[in-house]
Amino acid sequence: MKIVWINLLLLGMLQAGFFNEESAKVKQDMLENERLCKLFTKKAEEYKKHMRDDLLAKTTLASYEHRASLFCGKAKKAESNVTK
């Protein structure tokens, strides 16, 4: 009987650690996406203020805006999944 209780206790401890690690990873990814969202949004805004009028500058701005929308979308999606 003791062996059954010990196994149940160990199994419970293993499962608890596994789920906490997974939720920590999700939270870490969400924070990283939020950070990158802010970074590329700020870069795009700053670049737009002092931008040259040539193809390379327009391409760079489009790249910043694309990455901002990409990471902001991931952050919003992860946030909505967490609140559900």
PDB file of N, CA and C in Angstrom:
ATOM      1  N   MET A   1       0.824  -1.193   0.000  1.00  0.00           N
ATOM      2  CA  MET A   1       0.000   0.000   0.000  1.00  0.00           C
ATOM      3  C   MET A   1       0.873   1.264   0.000  1.00  0.00           C
ATOM      4  N   LYS A   2       1.997   1.185   0.740  1.00  0.00           N
ATOM      5  CA  LYS A   2       2.901   2.337   0.773  1.00  0.00           C
ATOM      6  C   LYS A   2       3.478   2.629  -0.613  1.00  0.00           C
ATOM      7  N   ILE A   3       3.764   1.582  -1.362  1.00  0.00           N
ATOM      8  CA  ILE A   3       4.338   1.752  -2.695  1.00  0.00           C
ATOM      9  C   ILE A   3       3.363   2.494  -3.608  1.00  0.00           C
ATOM     10  N   VAL A   4       2.075   2.187  -3.484  1.00  0.00           N
ATOM     11  CA  VAL A   4       1.055   2.862  -4.296  1.00  0.00           C
ATOM     12  C   VAL A   4       1.022   4.346  -3.951  1.00  0.00           C
ATOM     13  N   TRP A   5       1.029   4.681  -2.681  1.00  0.00           N
ATOM     14  CA  TRP A   5       0.987   6.087  -2.264  1.00  0.00           C
ATOM     15  C   TRP A   5       2.244   6.839  -2.694  1.00  0.00           C
ATOM     16  N   ILE A   6       3.385   6.191  -2.576  1.00  0.00           N
ATOM     17  CA  ILE A   6       4.630   6.826  -2.999  1.00  0.00           C
ATOM     18  C   ILE A   6       4.608   7.090  -4.507  1.00  0.00           C
ATOM     19  N   ASN A   7       4.137   6.111  -5.276  1.00  0.00           N
ATOM     20  CA  ASN A   7       4.038   6.296  -6.724  1.00  0.00           C
ATOM     21  C   ASN A   7       3.070   7.410  -7.085  1.00  0.00           C
ATOM     22  N   LEU A   8       1.941   7.477  -6.414  1.00  0.00           N
ATOM     23  CA  LEU A   8       0.972   8.546  -6.669  1.00  0.00           C
ATOM     24  C   LEU A   8       1.553   9.910  -6.315  1.00  0.00           C
ATOM     25  N   LEU A   9       2.258   9.975  -5.221  1.00  0.00           N
ATOM     26  CA  LEU A   9       2.876  11.231  -4.804  1.00  0.00           C
ATOM     27  C   LEU A   9       3.928  11.682  -5.820  1.00  0.00           C
ATOM     28  N   LEU A  10       4.784  10.776  -6.243  1.00  0.00           N
ATOM     29  CA  LEU A  10       5.806  11.113  -7.233  1.00  0.00           C
ATOM     30  C   LEU A  10       5.187  11.499  -8.572  1.00  0.00           C
ATOM     31  N   LEU A  11       4.167  10.784  -8.974  1.00  0.00           N
ATOM     32  CA  LEU A  11       3.489  11.101 -10.220  1.00  0.00           C
ATOM     33  C   LEU A  11       2.863  12.502 -10.165  1.00  0.00           C
ATOM     34  N   GLY A  12       2.254  12.820  -9.047  1.00  0.00           N
ATOM     35  CA  GLY A  12       1.670  14.154  -8.871  1.00  0.00           C
ATOM     36  C   GLY A  12       2.713  15.251  -8.934  1.00  0.00           C
ATOM     37  N   MET A  13       3.851  15.009  -8.314  1.00  0.00           N
ATOM     38  CA  MET A  13       4.919  16.012  -8.326  1.00  0.00           C
ATOM     39  C   MET A  13       5.478  16.192  -9.738  1.00  0.00           C
ATOM     40  N   LEU A  14       5.641  15.107 -10.467  1.00  0.00           N
ATOM     41  CA  LEU A  14       6.147  15.197 -11.838  1.00  0.00           C
ATOM     42  C   LEU A  14       5.182  15.947 -12.744  1.00  0.00           C
ATOM     43  N   GLN A  15       3.911  15.658 -12.623  1.00  0.00           N
ATOM     44  CA  GLN A  15       2.900  16.315 -13.457  1.00  0.00           C
ATOM     45  C   GLN A  15       2.818  17.803 -13.149  1.00  0.00           C
ATOM     46  N   ALA A  16       2.887  18.163 -11.888  1.00  0.00           N
ATOM     47  CA  ALA A  16       2.795  19.572 -11.505  1.00  0.00           C
ATOM     48  C   ALA A  16       3.954  20.362 -12.098  1.00  0.00           C
ATOM     49  N   GLY A  17       5.145  19.846 -12.055  1.00  0.00           N
ATOM     50  CA  GLY A  17       6.301  20.524 -12.623  1.00  0.00           C
ATOM     51  C   GLY A  17       6.205  20.652 -14.128  1.00  0.00           C
ATOM     52  N   PHE A  18       5.689  19.647 -14.788  1.00  0.00           N
ATOM     53  CA  PHE A  18       5.574  19.674 -16.236  1.00  0.00           C
ATOM     54  C   PHE A  18       4.631  20.778 -16.689  1.00  0.00           C
ATOM     55  N   PHE A  19       3.475  20.900 -16.073  1.00  0.00           N
ATOM     56  CA  PHE A  19       2.502  21.896 -16.501  1.00  0.00           C
ATOM     57  C   PHE A  19       2.967  23.305 -16.172  1.00  0.00           C
ATOM     58  N   ASN A  20       3.654  23.484 -15.072  1.00  0.00           N
ATOM     59  CA  ASN A  20       4.162  24.814 -14.737  1.00  0.00           C
ATOM     60  C   ASN A  20       5.229  25.247 -15.728  1.00  0.00           C
ATOM     61  N   GLU A  21       6.059  24.328 -16.162  1.00  0.00           N
ATOM     62  CA  GLU A  21       7.102  24.648 -17.123  1.00  0.00           C
ATOM     63  C   GLU A  21       6.498  25.056 -18.469  1.00  0.00           C
ATOM     64  N   GLU A  22       5.447  24.387 -18.879  1.00  0.00           N
ATOM     65  CA  GLU A  22       4.800  24.698 -20.155  1.00  0.00           C
ATOM     66  C   GLU A  22       4.149  26.075 -20.111  1.00  0.00           C
ATOM     67  N   SER A  23       3.459  26.396 -19.016  1.00  0.00           N
ATOM     68  CA  SER A  23       2.813  27.700 -18.926  1.00  0.00           C
ATOM     69  C   SER A  23       3.845  28.818 -18.805  1.00  0.00           C
ATOM     70  N   ALA A  24       4.983  28.543 -18.180  1.00  0.00           N
ATOM     71  CA  ALA A  24       6.047  29.538 -18.095  1.00  0.00           C
ATOM     72  C   ALA A  24       6.615  29.826 -19.482  1.00  0.00           C
ATOM     73  N   LYS A  25       6.736  28.797 -20.305  1.00  0.00           N
ATOM     74  CA  LYS A  25       7.236  28.970 -21.677  1.00  0.00           C
ATOM     75  C   LYS A  25       6.277  29.825 -22.494  1.00  0.00           C
ATOM     76  N   VAL A  26       4.991  29.574 -22.347  1.00  0.00           N
ATOM     77  CA  VAL A  26       3.984  30.358 -23.069  1.00  0.00           C
ATOM     78  C   VAL A  26       4.046  31.818 -22.629  1.00  0.00           C
ATOM     79  N   LYS A  27       4.169  32.040 -21.333  1.00  0.00           N
ATOM     80  CA  LYS A  27       4.231  33.412 -20.816  1.00  0.00           C
ATOM     81  C   LYS A  27       5.504  34.109 -21.298  1.00  0.00           C
ATOM     82  N   GLN A  28       6.611  33.382 -21.320  1.00  0.00           N
ATOM     83  CA  GLN A  28       7.869  33.950 -21.792  1.00  0.00           C
ATOM     84  C   GLN A  28       7.774  34.334 -23.269  1.00  0.00           C
ATOM     85  N   ASP A  29       7.154  33.484 -24.068  1.00  0.00           N
ATOM     86  CA  ASP A  29       6.972  33.794 -25.488  1.00  0.00           C
ATOM     87  C   ASP A  29       6.084  35.020 -25.672  1.00  0.00           C
ATOM     88  N   MET A  30       5.027  35.122 -24.862  1.00  0.00           N
ATOM     89  CA  MET A  30       4.130  36.259 -24.956  1.00  0.00           C
ATOM     90  C   MET A  30       4.863  37.559 -24.607  1.00  0.00           C
ATOM     91  N   LEU A  31       5.676  37.531 -23.554  1.00  0.00           N
ATOM     92  CA  LEU A  31       6.435  38.719 -23.168  1.00  0.00           C
ATOM     93  C   LEU A  31       7.447  39.111 -24.244  1.00  0.00           C
ATOM     94  N   GLU A  32       8.077  38.127 -24.863  1.00  0.00           N
ATOM     95  CA  GLU A  32       9.039  38.409 -25.929  1.00  0.00           C
ATOM     96  C   GLU A  32       8.338  39.023 -27.148  1.00  0.00           C
ATOM     97  N   ASN A  33       7.169  38.513 -27.494  1.00  0.00           N
ATOM     98  CA  ASN A  33       6.420  39.083 -28.617  1.00  0.00           C
ATOM     99  C   ASN A  33       5.976  40.508 -28.310  1.00  0.00           C
ATOM    100  N   GLU A  34       5.567  40.776 -27.075  1.00  0.00           N
ATOM    101  CA  GLU A  34       5.189  42.143 -26.692  1.00  0.00           C
ATOM    102  C   GLU A  34       6.394  43.077 -26.786  1.00  0.00           C
ATOM    103  N   ARG A  35       7.549  42.601 -26.338  1.00  0.00           N
ATOM    104  CA  ARG A  35       8.757  43.420 -26.389  1.00  0.00           C
ATOM    105  C   ARG A  35       9.131  43.742 -27.837  1.00  0.00           C
ATOM    106  N   LEU A  36       9.098  42.733 -28.701  1.00  0.00           N
ATOM    107  CA  LEU A  36       9.435  42.953 -30.104  1.00  0.00           C
ATOM    108  C   LEU A  36       8.397  43.827 -30.802  1.00  0.00           C
ATOM    109  N   CYS A  37       7.142  43.695 -30.411  1.00  0.00           N
ATOM    110  CA  CYS A  37       6.089  44.552 -30.961  1.00  0.00           C
ATOM    111  C   CYS A  37       6.395  46.017 -30.668  1.00  0.00           C
ATOM    112  N   LYS A  38       6.700  46.313 -29.419  1.00  0.00           N
ATOM    113  CA  LYS A  38       7.027  47.693 -29.034  1.00  0.00           C
ATOM    114  C   LYS A  38       8.276  48.186 -29.739  1.00  0.00           C
ATOM    115  N   LEU A  39       9.284  47.318 -29.830  1.00  0.00           N
ATOM    116  CA  LEU A  39      10.543  47.695 -30.453  1.00  0.00           C
ATOM    117  C   LEU A  39      10.353  48.079 -31.918  1.00  0.00           C
ATOM    118  N   PHE A  40       9.694  47.219 -32.700  1.00  0.00           N
ATOM    119  CA  PHE A  40       9.553  47.500 -34.126  1.00  0.00           C
ATOM    120  C   PHE A  40       8.542  48.603 -34.406  1.00  0.00           C
ATOM    121  N   THR A  41       7.548  48.757 -33.545  1.00  0.00           N
ATOM    122  CA  THR A  41       6.620  49.879 -33.695  1.00  0.00           C
ATOM    123  C   THR A  41       7.360  51.191 -33.497  1.00  0.00           C
ATOM    124  N   LYS A  42       8.184  51.247 -32.458  1.00  0.00           N
ATOM    125  CA  LYS A  42       8.969  52.454 -32.189  1.00  0.00           C
ATOM    126  C   LYS A  42       9.963  52.720 -33.316  1.00  0.00           C
ATOM    127  N   LYS A  43      10.638  51.653 -33.804  1.00  0.00           N
ATOM    128  CA  LYS A  43      11.596  51.813 -34.901  1.00  0.00           C
ATOM    129  C   LYS A  43      10.913  52.379 -36.140  1.00  0.00           C
ATOM    130  N   ALA A  44       9.732  51.860 -36.457  1.00  0.00           N
ATOM    131  CA  ALA A  44       9.012  52.329 -37.645  1.00  0.00           C
ATOM    132  C   ALA A  44       8.619  53.792 -37.502  1.00  0.00           C
ATOM    133  N   GLU A  45       8.138  54.159 -36.322  1.00  0.00           N
ATOM    134  CA  GLU A  45       7.735  55.556 -36.103  1.00  0.00           C
ATOM    135  C   GLU A  45       8.933  56.501 -36.200  1.00  0.00           C
ATOM    136  N   GLU A  46      10.042  56.126 -35.562  1.00  0.00           N
ATOM    137  CA  GLU A  46      11.243  56.958 -35.603  1.00  0.00           C
ATOM    138  C   GLU A  46      11.813  57.036 -37.020  1.00  0.00           C
ATOM    139  N   TYR A  47      11.825  55.917 -37.710  1.00  0.00           N
ATOM    140  CA  TYR A  47      12.373  55.891 -39.068  1.00  0.00           C
ATOM    141  C   TYR A  47      11.529  56.748 -40.000  1.00  0.00           C
ATOM    142  N   LYS A  48      10.221  56.719 -39.810  1.00  0.00           N
ATOM    143  CA  LYS A  48       9.316  57.480 -40.673  1.00  0.00           C
ATOM    144  C   LYS A  48       9.554  58.983 -40.524  1.00  0.00           C
ATOM    145  N   LYS A  49       9.936  59.427 -39.333  1.00  0.00           N
ATOM    146  CA  LYS A  49      10.171  60.855 -39.087  1.00  0.00           C
ATOM    147  C   LYS A  49      11.362  61.380 -39.873  1.00  0.00           C
ATOM    148  N   HIS A  50      12.408  60.579 -40.021  1.00  0.00           N
ATOM    149  CA  HIS A  50      13.657  61.048 -40.633  1.00  0.00           C
ATOM    150  C   HIS A  50      13.998  60.272 -41.904  1.00  0.00           C
ATOM    151  N   MET A  51      12.991  59.759 -42.565  1.00  0.00           N
ATOM    152  CA  MET A  51      13.194  58.871 -43.705  1.00  0.00           C
ATOM    153  C   MET A  51      13.556  59.636 -44.980  1.00  0.00           C
ATOM    154  N   ARG A  52      14.474  59.053 -45.753  1.00  0.00           N
ATOM    155  CA  ARG A  52      14.791  59.589 -47.077  1.00  0.00           C
ATOM    156  C   ARG A  52      13.661  59.211 -48.033  1.00  0.00           C
ATOM    157  N   ASP A  53      13.703  59.777 -49.230  1.00  0.00           N
ATOM    158  CA  ASP A  53      12.670  59.472 -50.214  1.00  0.00           C
ATOM    159  C   ASP A  53      13.275  58.649 -51.355  1.00  0.00           C
ATOM    160  N   ASP A  54      13.624  57.390 -51.040  1.00  0.00           N
ATOM    161  CA  ASP A  54      14.119  56.491 -52.077  1.00  0.00           C
ATOM    162  C   ASP A  54      13.583  55.083 -51.822  1.00  0.00           C
ATOM    163  N   LEU A  55      13.828  54.205 -52.742  1.00  0.00           N
ATOM    164  CA  LEU A  55      13.282  52.850 -52.681  1.00  0.00           C
ATOM    165  C   LEU A  55      13.797  52.070 -51.464  1.00  0.00           C
ATOM    166  N   LEU A  56      15.086  52.192 -51.176  1.00  0.00           N
ATOM    167  CA  LEU A  56      15.660  51.473 -50.045  1.00  0.00           C
ATOM    168  C   LEU A  56      15.033  51.916 -48.722  1.00  0.00           C
ATOM    169  N   ALA A  57      14.821  53.195 -48.546  1.00  0.00           N
ATOM    170  CA  ALA A  57      14.220  53.706 -47.322  1.00  0.00           C
ATOM    171  C   ALA A  57      12.774  53.218 -47.183  1.00  0.00           C
ATOM    172  N   LYS A  58      12.041  53.224 -48.292  1.00  0.00           N
ATOM    173  CA  LYS A  58      10.652  52.748 -48.253  1.00  0.00           C
ATOM    174  C   LYS A  58      10.593  51.252 -47.949  1.00  0.00           C
ATOM    175  N   THR A  59      11.544  50.499 -48.484  1.00  0.00           N
ATOM    176  CA  THR A  59      11.597  49.068 -48.214  1.00  0.00           C
ATOM    177  C   THR A  59      11.932  48.804 -46.752  1.00  0.00           C
ATOM    178  N   THR A  60      12.848  49.576 -46.202  1.00  0.00           N
ATOM    179  CA  THR A  60      13.208  49.430 -44.795  1.00  0.00           C
ATOM    180  C   THR A  60      12.012  49.738 -43.905  1.00  0.00           C
ATOM    181  N   LEU A  61      11.291  50.791 -44.201  1.00  0.00           N
ATOM    182  CA  LEU A  61      10.106  51.142 -43.427  1.00  0.00           C
ATOM    183  C   LEU A  61       9.056  50.034 -43.518  1.00  0.00           C
ATOM    184  N   ALA A  62       8.855  49.510 -44.709  1.00  0.00           N
ATOM    185  CA  ALA A  62       7.884  48.428 -44.876  1.00  0.00           C
ATOM    186  C   ALA A  62       8.297  47.198 -44.074  1.00  0.00           C
ATOM    187  N   SER A  63       9.591  46.938 -44.000  1.00  0.00           N
ATOM    188  CA  SER A  63      10.092  45.807 -43.219  1.00  0.00           C
ATOM    189  C   SER A  63       9.815  46.006 -41.732  1.00  0.00           C
ATOM    190  N   TYR A  64      10.094  47.196 -41.220  1.00  0.00           N
ATOM    191  CA  TYR A  64       9.809  47.487 -39.812  1.00  0.00           C
ATOM    192  C   TYR A  64       8.320  47.356 -39.517  1.00  0.00           C
ATOM    193  N   GLU A  65       7.488  47.896 -40.405  1.00  0.00           N
ATOM    194  CA  GLU A  65       6.038  47.831 -40.185  1.00  0.00           C
ATOM    195  C   GLU A  65       5.522  46.398 -40.256  1.00  0.00           C
ATOM    196  N   HIS A  66       6.078  45.608 -41.161  1.00  0.00           N
ATOM    197  CA  HIS A  66       5.671  44.208 -41.283  1.00  0.00           C
ATOM    198  C   HIS A  66       6.024  43.439 -40.005  1.00  0.00           C
ATOM    199  N   ARG A  67       7.258  43.612 -39.520  1.00  0.00           N
ATOM    200  CA  ARG A  67       7.668  42.904 -38.315  1.00  0.00           C
ATOM    201  C   ARG A  67       6.893  43.391 -37.098  1.00  0.00           C
ATOM    202  N   ALA A  68       6.563  44.675 -37.044  1.00  0.00           N
ATOM    203  CA  ALA A  68       5.749  45.182 -35.933  1.00  0.00           C
ATOM    204  C   ALA A  68       4.373  44.523 -35.953  1.00  0.00           C
ATOM    205  N   SER A  69       3.749  44.462 -37.122  1.00  0.00           N
ATOM    206  CA  SER A  69       2.423  43.851 -37.194  1.00  0.00           C
ATOM    207  C   SER A  69       2.487  42.356 -36.902  1.00  0.00           C
ATOM    208  N   LEU A  70       3.554  41.709 -37.315  1.00  0.00           N
ATOM    209  CA  LEU A  70       3.731  40.276 -37.060  1.00  0.00           C
ATOM    210  C   LEU A  70       3.810  39.994 -35.563  1.00  0.00           C
ATOM    211  N   PHE A  71       4.692  40.703 -34.859  1.00  0.00           N
ATOM    212  CA  PHE A  71       4.861  40.454 -33.429  1.00  0.00           C
ATOM    213  C   PHE A  71       3.690  40.981 -32.610  1.00  0.00           C
ATOM    214  N   CYS A  72       3.087  42.084 -33.027  1.00  0.00           N
ATOM    215  CA  CYS A  72       1.910  42.591 -32.308  1.00  0.00           C
ATOM    216  C   CYS A  72       0.740  41.621 -32.456  1.00  0.00           C
ATOM    217  N   GLY A  73       0.607  41.028 -33.644  1.00  0.00           N
ATOM    218  CA  GLY A  73      -0.446  40.038 -33.862  1.00  0.00           C
ATOM    219  C   GLY A  73      -0.246  38.806 -33.001  1.00  0.00           C
ATOM    220  N   LYS A  74       1.000  38.345 -32.897  1.00  0.00           N
ATOM    221  CA  LYS A  74       1.296  37.185 -32.053  1.00  0.00           C
ATOM    222  C   LYS A  74       1.031  37.499 -30.589  1.00  0.00           C
ATOM    223  N   ALA A  75       1.389  38.708 -30.164  1.00  0.00           N
ATOM    224  CA  ALA A  75       1.181  39.093 -28.762  1.00  0.00           C
ATOM    225  C   ALA A  75      -0.307  39.173 -28.442  1.00  0.00           C
ATOM    226  N   LYS A  76      -1.096  39.745 -29.347  1.00  0.00           N
ATOM    227  CA  LYS A  76      -2.539  39.849 -29.120  1.00  0.00           C
ATOM    228  C   LYS A  76      -3.196  38.465 -29.124  1.00  0.00           C
ATOM    229  N   LYS A  77      -2.739  37.600 -30.021  1.00  0.00           N
ATOM    230  CA  LYS A  77      -3.292  36.252 -30.104  1.00  0.00           C
ATOM    231  C   LYS A  77      -2.980  35.490 -28.824  1.00  0.00           C
ATOM    232  N   ALA A  78      -1.759  35.568 -28.346  1.00  0.00           N
ATOM    233  CA  ALA A  78      -1.359  34.874 -27.119  1.00  0.00           C
ATOM    234  C   ALA A  78      -2.116  35.445 -25.920  1.00  0.00           C
ATOM    235  N   GLU A  79      -2.316  36.750 -25.909  1.00  0.00           N
ATOM    236  CA  GLU A  79      -3.040  37.391 -24.806  1.00  0.00           C
ATOM    237  C   GLU A  79      -4.490  36.947 -24.787  1.00  0.00           C
ATOM    238  N   SER A  80      -5.113  36.836 -25.955  1.00  0.00           N
ATOM    239  CA  SER A  80      -6.502  36.402 -26.001  1.00  0.00           C
ATOM    240  C   SER A  80      -6.636  34.927 -25.603  1.00  0.00           C
ATOM    241  N   ASN A  81      -5.620  34.105 -25.912  1.00  0.00           N
ATOM    242  CA  ASN A  81      -5.638  32.701 -25.500  1.00  0.00           C
ATOM    243  C   ASN A  81      -5.485  32.558 -23.998  1.00  0.00           C
ATOM    244  N   VAL A  82      -4.710  33.434 -23.378  1.00  0.00           N
ATOM    245  CA  VAL A  82      -4.500  33.368 -21.937  1.00  0.00           C
ATOM    246  C   VAL A  82      -5.761  33.790 -21.193  1.00  0.00           C
ATOM    247  N   THR A  83      -6.497  34.782 -21.714  1.00  0.00           N
ATOM    248  CA  THR A  83      -7.689  35.279 -21.022  1.00  0.00           C
ATOM    249  C   THR A  83      -8.875  34.360 -21.177  1.00  0.00           C
ATOM    250  N   LYS A  84      -8.838  33.422 -22.129  1.00  0.00           N
ATOM    251  CA  LYS A  84      -9.981  32.521 -22.342  1.00  0.00           C
ATOM    252  C   LYS A  84     -10.086  31.502 -21.248  1.00  0.00           C
TER     253      LYS A  84
END
